[in-house]
C-alpha cells in the first residue's frame, strides 16, 4: 500500500519574546496593558491533549485590533501534570511567559520593546526568539 504524506508549510510571521517574571499572569498582563496601552484580556485556557495520556492547560491573554494582535501565554502548565515537559514551548522552558506579536505592533524595534518591558520591576529578563528555530513552534498555531 502506498503511503501519502501531507507536508504543510506554515507561516510564522510573528515576533516571539520569552519573559522571565515571578509574578502571576494577570499581573504581567496588567503591566503590559499599562506600558503599551493595550487591553490584554483573559481568554479561554489553551488545552492540548497529548498522546491521549494527559492534558496541558496554558493560560491565554489576547488583544486584537484591526491591524495587530498581541498574545501572552504562560509557558508552564496551570494544572499539575505527569508530563515530563509541562511547557507550551519546552525549547525555552527557562522562560515563564511567552509574548507573541503580529501585525502593526511588529514595527516596534525589538530593543525598544524589550527596554520598555524591563522598566517595570515585575520582569527580570526578556529575549526575542526566532520562531523558526524552535522545535515545538507548532504549539503557537491555532
N, C-alpha and C. Protein backbone atom coordinates (compact mmCIF):
# COMPACT_ATOMS: atom_id res chain seq x y z
N UNK A 1 0.83 -1.18 0.00
CA UNK A 1 0.00 0.00 0.00
C UNK A 1 0.88 1.24 0.00
N UNK A 2 0.53 2.16 -0.85
CA UNK A 2 1.31 3.39 -0.97
C UNK A 2 0.92 4.36 0.14
N UNK A 3 1.92 4.95 0.77
CA UNK A 3 1.70 5.90 1.85
C UNK A 3 1.85 7.31 1.31
N UNK A 4 0.87 8.12 1.57
CA UNK A 4 0.93 9.53 1.18
C UNK A 4 1.22 10.36 2.41
N UNK A 5 1.97 11.39 2.20
CA UNK A 5 2.34 12.25 3.31
C UNK A 5 1.96 13.69 2.98
N UNK A 6 1.33 14.34 3.93
CA UNK A 6 0.91 15.72 3.75
C UNK A 6 1.93 16.64 4.42
N UNK A 7 2.59 17.43 3.60
CA UNK A 7 3.55 18.42 4.10
C UNK A 7 2.93 19.80 3.99
N UNK A 8 2.84 20.48 5.11
CA UNK A 8 2.27 21.82 5.14
C UNK A 8 3.33 22.78 5.67
N UNK A 9 3.53 23.84 4.93
CA UNK A 9 4.45 24.88 5.39
C UNK A 9 3.63 26.02 5.98
N UNK A 10 3.78 26.23 7.26
CA UNK A 10 3.07 27.30 7.94
C UNK A 10 3.92 28.56 7.90
N UNK A 11 3.25 29.68 7.96
CA UNK A 11 3.96 30.95 8.03
C UNK A 11 4.04 31.37 9.49
N UNK A 12 5.23 31.60 9.94
CA UNK A 12 5.46 32.07 11.31
C UNK A 12 5.81 33.54 11.24
N UNK A 13 4.83 34.35 10.86
CA UNK A 13 5.05 35.77 10.65
C UNK A 13 4.68 36.56 11.90
N UNK A 14 5.32 36.23 12.99
CA UNK A 14 5.11 36.95 14.24
C UNK A 14 6.41 37.04 15.00
N UNK A 15 6.47 38.02 15.88
CA UNK A 15 7.62 38.16 16.78
C UNK A 15 7.32 37.38 18.04
N UNK A 16 8.34 36.81 18.61
CA UNK A 16 8.17 35.97 19.79
C UNK A 16 9.19 36.37 20.84
N UNK A 17 8.70 36.61 22.06
CA UNK A 17 9.56 37.02 23.16
C UNK A 17 9.36 36.08 24.34
N UNK A 18 10.45 35.70 24.97
CA UNK A 18 10.39 34.95 26.21
C UNK A 18 10.59 35.91 27.37
N UNK A 19 9.82 35.73 28.44
CA UNK A 19 9.86 36.65 29.58
C UNK A 19 10.08 35.85 30.86
N UNK A 20 11.04 36.30 31.66
CA UNK A 20 11.26 35.71 32.98
C UNK A 20 10.67 36.67 34.00
N UNK A 21 9.65 36.19 34.72
CA UNK A 21 8.98 37.03 35.70
C UNK A 21 8.33 36.14 36.75
N UNK A 22 8.52 36.45 38.04
CA UNK A 22 7.94 35.62 39.10
C UNK A 22 6.48 35.95 39.41
N UNK A 23 5.89 36.94 38.73
CA UNK A 23 4.53 37.38 39.07
C UNK A 23 3.47 36.50 38.40
N UNK A 24 2.25 36.63 38.88
CA UNK A 24 1.11 35.92 38.29
C UNK A 24 0.81 36.47 36.90
N UNK A 25 0.17 35.65 36.09
CA UNK A 25 -0.10 36.04 34.71
C UNK A 25 -0.97 37.29 34.59
N UNK A 26 -1.97 37.43 35.45
CA UNK A 26 -2.85 38.60 35.36
C UNK A 26 -2.10 39.88 35.71
N UNK A 27 -1.10 39.79 36.59
CA UNK A 27 -0.33 40.98 36.96
C UNK A 27 0.60 41.39 35.82
N UNK A 28 1.18 40.42 35.13
CA UNK A 28 2.02 40.73 33.98
C UNK A 28 1.17 41.32 32.85
N UNK A 29 -0.01 40.77 32.63
CA UNK A 29 -0.92 41.31 31.60
C UNK A 29 -1.27 42.75 31.93
N UNK A 30 -1.55 43.03 33.19
CA UNK A 30 -1.86 44.39 33.63
C UNK A 30 -0.69 45.32 33.35
N UNK A 31 0.54 44.88 33.64
CA UNK A 31 1.73 45.71 33.41
C UNK A 31 1.91 45.98 31.92
N UNK A 32 1.73 44.97 31.08
CA UNK A 32 1.85 45.17 29.63
C UNK A 32 0.77 46.12 29.12
N UNK A 33 -0.42 46.01 29.67
CA UNK A 33 -1.50 46.93 29.29
C UNK A 33 -1.11 48.38 29.59
N UNK A 34 -0.51 48.60 30.75
CA UNK A 34 -0.10 49.96 31.13
C UNK A 34 1.07 50.47 30.30
N UNK A 35 2.03 49.62 30.02
CA UNK A 35 3.22 50.04 29.29
C UNK A 35 2.89 50.38 27.84
N UNK A 36 2.13 49.51 27.17
CA UNK A 36 1.90 49.65 25.73
C UNK A 36 0.49 50.12 25.37
N UNK A 37 -0.27 50.52 26.37
CA UNK A 37 -1.64 50.99 26.15
C UNK A 37 -2.46 49.93 25.40
N UNK A 38 -2.42 48.71 25.92
CA UNK A 38 -3.16 47.59 25.35
C UNK A 38 -4.38 47.29 26.20
N UNK A 39 -5.13 46.30 25.80
CA UNK A 39 -6.24 45.78 26.59
C UNK A 39 -6.18 44.26 26.56
N UNK A 40 -5.07 43.71 27.00
CA UNK A 40 -4.97 42.24 27.07
C UNK A 40 -6.05 41.73 28.01
N UNK A 41 -6.80 40.76 27.57
CA UNK A 41 -7.85 40.19 28.41
C UNK A 41 -7.74 38.68 28.40
N UNK A 42 -8.16 38.10 29.49
CA UNK A 42 -8.07 36.65 29.66
C UNK A 42 -9.03 35.95 28.70
N UNK A 43 -8.53 34.98 27.99
CA UNK A 43 -9.32 34.16 27.08
C UNK A 43 -9.44 32.76 27.68
N UNK A 44 -10.17 31.90 27.01
CA UNK A 44 -10.23 30.52 27.46
C UNK A 44 -8.82 29.93 27.46
N UNK A 45 -8.53 29.13 28.46
CA UNK A 45 -7.22 28.49 28.54
C UNK A 45 -7.02 27.57 27.34
N UNK A 46 -5.77 27.50 26.88
CA UNK A 46 -5.44 26.57 25.81
C UNK A 46 -5.33 25.18 26.40
N UNK A 47 -5.91 24.21 25.74
CA UNK A 47 -5.91 22.85 26.25
C UNK A 47 -5.39 21.92 25.17
N UNK A 48 -4.26 21.31 25.43
CA UNK A 48 -3.66 20.36 24.50
C UNK A 48 -3.79 18.95 25.08
N UNK A 49 -4.42 18.05 24.35
CA UNK A 49 -4.47 16.65 24.74
C UNK A 49 -3.28 15.96 24.09
N UNK A 50 -2.35 15.53 24.91
CA UNK A 50 -1.12 14.96 24.40
C UNK A 50 -1.12 13.45 24.49
N UNK A 51 -1.06 12.83 23.35
CA UNK A 51 -0.93 11.38 23.24
C UNK A 51 -2.04 10.63 23.98
N UNK A 52 -3.15 11.26 24.24
CA UNK A 52 -4.24 10.61 24.92
C UNK A 52 -3.94 10.29 26.38
N UNK A 53 -2.81 10.73 26.88
CA UNK A 53 -2.40 10.41 28.25
C UNK A 53 -2.75 11.53 29.22
N UNK A 54 -2.38 12.71 28.86
CA UNK A 54 -2.53 13.82 29.79
C UNK A 54 -2.89 15.08 29.04
N UNK A 55 -3.22 16.09 29.79
CA UNK A 55 -3.61 17.38 29.25
C UNK A 55 -2.65 18.47 29.68
N UNK A 56 -2.38 19.36 28.75
CA UNK A 56 -1.54 20.52 29.02
C UNK A 56 -2.45 21.74 28.94
N UNK A 57 -2.64 22.44 30.06
CA UNK A 57 -3.53 23.61 30.10
C UNK A 57 -2.67 24.85 30.33
N UNK A 58 -2.79 25.81 29.41
CA UNK A 58 -1.96 27.01 29.40
C UNK A 58 -2.85 28.25 29.48
N UNK A 59 -2.49 29.21 30.34
CA UNK A 59 -3.27 30.46 30.41
C UNK A 59 -3.00 31.29 29.16
N UNK A 60 -4.01 32.06 28.76
CA UNK A 60 -4.00 32.72 27.47
C UNK A 60 -4.63 34.11 27.59
N UNK A 61 -3.86 35.14 27.26
CA UNK A 61 -4.36 36.52 27.22
C UNK A 61 -4.21 37.02 25.79
N UNK A 62 -5.14 37.86 25.36
CA UNK A 62 -5.13 38.27 23.97
C UNK A 62 -5.65 39.69 23.81
N UNK A 63 -5.07 40.40 22.85
CA UNK A 63 -5.55 41.73 22.47
C UNK A 63 -5.49 41.80 20.95
N UNK A 64 -6.64 42.03 20.32
CA UNK A 64 -6.72 42.06 18.86
C UNK A 64 -7.32 43.39 18.41
N UNK A 65 -6.66 44.00 17.40
CA UNK A 65 -7.21 45.18 16.74
C UNK A 65 -7.32 44.83 15.25
N UNK A 66 -7.71 45.81 14.45
CA UNK A 66 -7.79 45.59 13.01
C UNK A 66 -6.42 45.34 12.39
N UNK A 67 -5.36 45.83 13.04
CA UNK A 67 -4.04 45.80 12.43
C UNK A 67 -3.00 44.98 13.18
N UNK A 68 -3.31 44.54 14.37
CA UNK A 68 -2.30 43.79 15.12
C UNK A 68 -2.94 42.86 16.13
N UNK A 69 -2.12 41.95 16.63
CA UNK A 69 -2.56 41.01 17.65
C UNK A 69 -1.40 40.77 18.62
N UNK A 70 -1.73 40.80 19.91
CA UNK A 70 -0.74 40.53 20.95
C UNK A 70 -1.31 39.42 21.82
N UNK A 71 -0.48 38.41 22.07
CA UNK A 71 -0.89 37.30 22.93
C UNK A 71 0.15 37.10 24.01
N UNK A 72 -0.34 36.78 25.18
CA UNK A 72 0.53 36.47 26.32
C UNK A 72 0.14 35.08 26.80
N UNK A 73 1.12 34.19 26.84
CA UNK A 73 0.90 32.82 27.30
C UNK A 73 1.80 32.54 28.49
N UNK A 74 1.30 31.77 29.40
CA UNK A 74 2.16 31.24 30.44
C UNK A 74 2.85 30.03 29.84
N UNK A 75 4.14 29.90 30.01
CA UNK A 75 4.87 28.80 29.38
C UNK A 75 4.68 27.48 30.12
N UNK A 76 4.43 27.52 31.41
CA UNK A 76 4.26 26.30 32.21
C UNK A 76 2.78 25.99 32.36
N UNK A 77 2.44 24.71 32.44
CA UNK A 77 1.05 24.27 32.60
C UNK A 77 0.45 24.82 33.89
N UNK A 78 -0.83 25.16 33.84
CA UNK A 78 -1.53 25.69 35.01
C UNK A 78 -1.81 24.61 36.05
N UNK A 79 -2.14 23.43 35.57
CA UNK A 79 -2.54 22.33 36.43
C UNK A 79 -1.39 21.32 36.51
N UNK A 80 -1.19 20.75 37.69
CA UNK A 80 -0.15 19.73 37.86
C UNK A 80 -0.42 18.57 36.90
N UNK A 81 0.63 18.08 36.28
CA UNK A 81 0.50 17.04 35.28
C UNK A 81 1.64 16.04 35.41
N UNK A 82 1.47 14.88 34.81
CA UNK A 82 2.50 13.85 34.87
C UNK A 82 3.46 13.92 33.68
N UNK A 83 3.28 14.93 32.84
CA UNK A 83 4.16 15.08 31.68
C UNK A 83 5.58 15.40 32.11
N UNK A 84 6.55 14.88 31.36
CA UNK A 84 7.95 15.18 31.66
C UNK A 84 8.26 16.66 31.40
N UNK A 85 7.65 17.20 30.34
CA UNK A 85 7.88 18.60 29.98
C UNK A 85 6.54 19.33 29.94
N UNK A 86 6.07 19.84 31.07
CA UNK A 86 4.76 20.52 31.09
C UNK A 86 4.83 21.98 30.64
N UNK A 87 5.38 22.21 29.44
CA UNK A 87 5.58 23.56 28.92
C UNK A 87 4.92 23.72 27.56
N UNK A 88 4.48 24.93 27.26
CA UNK A 88 3.97 25.25 25.94
C UNK A 88 5.11 25.14 24.93
N UNK A 89 6.25 25.71 25.27
CA UNK A 89 7.45 25.64 24.43
C UNK A 89 8.60 25.06 25.26
N UNK A 90 8.75 23.74 25.26
CA UNK A 90 9.82 23.12 26.06
C UNK A 90 11.22 23.57 25.66
N UNK A 91 11.37 24.09 24.45
CA UNK A 91 12.68 24.59 23.99
C UNK A 91 13.18 25.72 24.87
N UNK A 92 12.25 26.52 25.37
CA UNK A 92 12.61 27.69 26.17
C UNK A 92 11.96 27.59 27.56
N UNK A 93 12.14 26.47 28.19
CA UNK A 93 11.50 26.22 29.48
C UNK A 93 12.00 27.14 30.59
N UNK A 94 13.11 27.82 30.38
CA UNK A 94 13.64 28.75 31.38
C UNK A 94 12.79 30.01 31.49
N UNK A 95 11.94 30.25 30.50
CA UNK A 95 11.13 31.46 30.46
C UNK A 95 9.73 31.15 31.00
N UNK A 96 9.23 32.06 31.84
CA UNK A 96 7.92 31.86 32.48
C UNK A 96 6.77 32.19 31.55
N UNK A 97 6.96 33.17 30.67
CA UNK A 97 5.89 33.63 29.79
C UNK A 97 6.40 33.78 28.36
N UNK A 98 5.46 33.74 27.43
CA UNK A 98 5.75 33.94 26.01
C UNK A 98 4.82 35.02 25.49
N UNK A 99 5.39 36.01 24.79
CA UNK A 99 4.61 37.06 24.16
C UNK A 99 4.72 36.88 22.65
N UNK A 100 3.58 36.83 21.99
CA UNK A 100 3.52 36.67 20.54
C UNK A 100 2.89 37.93 19.95
N UNK A 101 3.59 38.57 19.01
CA UNK A 101 3.12 39.82 18.42
C UNK A 101 3.08 39.68 16.91
N UNK A 102 1.95 40.03 16.32
CA UNK A 102 1.85 40.03 14.86
C UNK A 102 1.13 41.29 14.41
N UNK A 103 1.38 41.66 13.18
CA UNK A 103 0.74 42.85 12.63
C UNK A 103 1.54 44.12 12.84
N UNK A 104 0.83 45.22 12.99
CA UNK A 104 1.46 46.54 13.06
C UNK A 104 2.39 46.71 14.25
N UNK A 105 2.10 46.05 15.36
CA UNK A 105 2.97 46.21 16.54
C UNK A 105 4.35 45.60 16.33
N UNK A 106 4.52 44.80 15.29
CA UNK A 106 5.84 44.26 14.98
C UNK A 106 6.78 45.36 14.52
N UNK A 107 6.24 46.52 14.17
CA UNK A 107 7.06 47.63 13.70
C UNK A 107 7.92 48.22 14.80
N UNK A 108 7.58 47.91 16.07
CA UNK A 108 8.42 48.36 17.17
C UNK A 108 9.79 47.71 17.04
N UNK A 109 10.80 48.46 17.34
CA UNK A 109 12.13 47.87 17.34
C UNK A 109 12.23 46.90 18.51
N UNK A 110 12.77 45.71 18.29
CA UNK A 110 12.83 44.73 19.37
C UNK A 110 13.51 45.26 20.64
N UNK A 111 14.58 46.02 20.47
CA UNK A 111 15.28 46.50 21.66
C UNK A 111 14.45 47.53 22.41
N UNK A 112 13.69 48.35 21.69
CA UNK A 112 12.78 49.30 22.34
C UNK A 112 11.70 48.56 23.13
N UNK A 113 11.15 47.53 22.52
CA UNK A 113 10.12 46.72 23.16
C UNK A 113 10.66 46.09 24.44
N UNK A 114 11.84 45.49 24.33
CA UNK A 114 12.47 44.84 25.49
C UNK A 114 12.77 45.85 26.59
N UNK A 115 13.32 46.99 26.23
CA UNK A 115 13.65 48.02 27.22
C UNK A 115 12.41 48.53 27.92
N UNK A 116 11.31 48.68 27.19
CA UNK A 116 10.06 49.14 27.80
C UNK A 116 9.55 48.15 28.83
N UNK A 117 9.63 46.87 28.50
CA UNK A 117 9.17 45.85 29.44
C UNK A 117 10.07 45.79 30.68
N UNK A 118 11.36 45.93 30.47
CA UNK A 118 12.31 45.83 31.58
C UNK A 118 12.23 47.01 32.54
N UNK A 119 11.60 48.10 32.15
CA UNK A 119 11.46 49.26 33.04
C UNK A 119 10.61 48.93 34.26
N UNK A 120 9.69 48.00 34.11
CA UNK A 120 8.89 47.60 35.26
C UNK A 120 9.68 46.66 36.15
N UNK A 121 9.43 46.71 37.41
CA UNK A 121 10.14 45.86 38.37
C UNK A 121 9.61 44.42 38.35
N UNK A 122 8.57 44.16 37.59
CA UNK A 122 7.95 42.83 37.57
C UNK A 122 8.68 41.84 36.68
N UNK A 123 9.49 42.33 35.77
CA UNK A 123 10.16 41.48 34.79
C UNK A 123 11.66 41.48 35.04
N UNK A 124 12.24 40.28 35.03
CA UNK A 124 13.68 40.15 35.27
C UNK A 124 14.48 40.10 33.98
N UNK A 125 13.91 39.45 32.96
CA UNK A 125 14.66 39.26 31.72
C UNK A 125 13.70 39.04 30.56
N UNK A 126 14.06 39.56 29.38
CA UNK A 126 13.27 39.38 28.16
C UNK A 126 14.23 39.08 27.02
N UNK A 127 13.83 38.15 26.16
CA UNK A 127 14.66 37.82 25.00
C UNK A 127 13.76 37.54 23.81
N UNK A 128 14.19 38.03 22.64
CA UNK A 128 13.46 37.77 21.40
C UNK A 128 13.96 36.45 20.80
N UNK A 129 13.01 35.66 20.28
CA UNK A 129 13.33 34.38 19.65
C UNK A 129 12.84 34.37 18.21
N UNK A 130 13.55 33.64 17.39
CA UNK A 130 13.08 33.38 16.03
C UNK A 130 12.23 32.12 16.11
N UNK A 131 10.94 32.19 15.79
CA UNK A 131 10.08 31.01 15.91
C UNK A 131 10.55 29.83 15.07
N UNK A 132 11.24 30.10 13.97
CA UNK A 132 11.68 29.01 13.10
C UNK A 132 12.76 28.14 13.74
N UNK A 133 13.42 28.64 14.76
CA UNK A 133 14.49 27.87 15.42
C UNK A 133 13.95 26.95 16.52
N UNK A 134 12.67 27.08 16.85
CA UNK A 134 12.09 26.30 17.94
C UNK A 134 11.52 24.98 17.42
N UNK A 135 11.74 23.95 18.16
CA UNK A 135 11.26 22.62 17.77
C UNK A 135 9.74 22.50 17.92
N UNK A 136 9.16 23.11 18.94
CA UNK A 136 7.74 22.99 19.22
C UNK A 136 6.96 24.24 18.80
N UNK A 137 7.40 24.89 17.72
CA UNK A 137 6.76 26.12 17.27
C UNK A 137 5.30 25.92 16.84
N UNK A 138 4.92 24.69 16.50
CA UNK A 138 3.55 24.40 16.09
C UNK A 138 2.55 24.62 17.24
N UNK A 139 3.03 24.61 18.47
CA UNK A 139 2.16 24.86 19.62
C UNK A 139 1.60 26.29 19.61
N UNK A 140 2.20 27.16 18.82
CA UNK A 140 1.75 28.54 18.77
C UNK A 140 0.76 28.81 17.64
N UNK A 141 0.42 27.78 16.87
CA UNK A 141 -0.51 27.92 15.76
C UNK A 141 -1.87 27.38 16.17
N UNK A 142 -2.89 28.23 16.10
CA UNK A 142 -4.27 27.81 16.36
C UNK A 142 -5.21 28.81 15.78
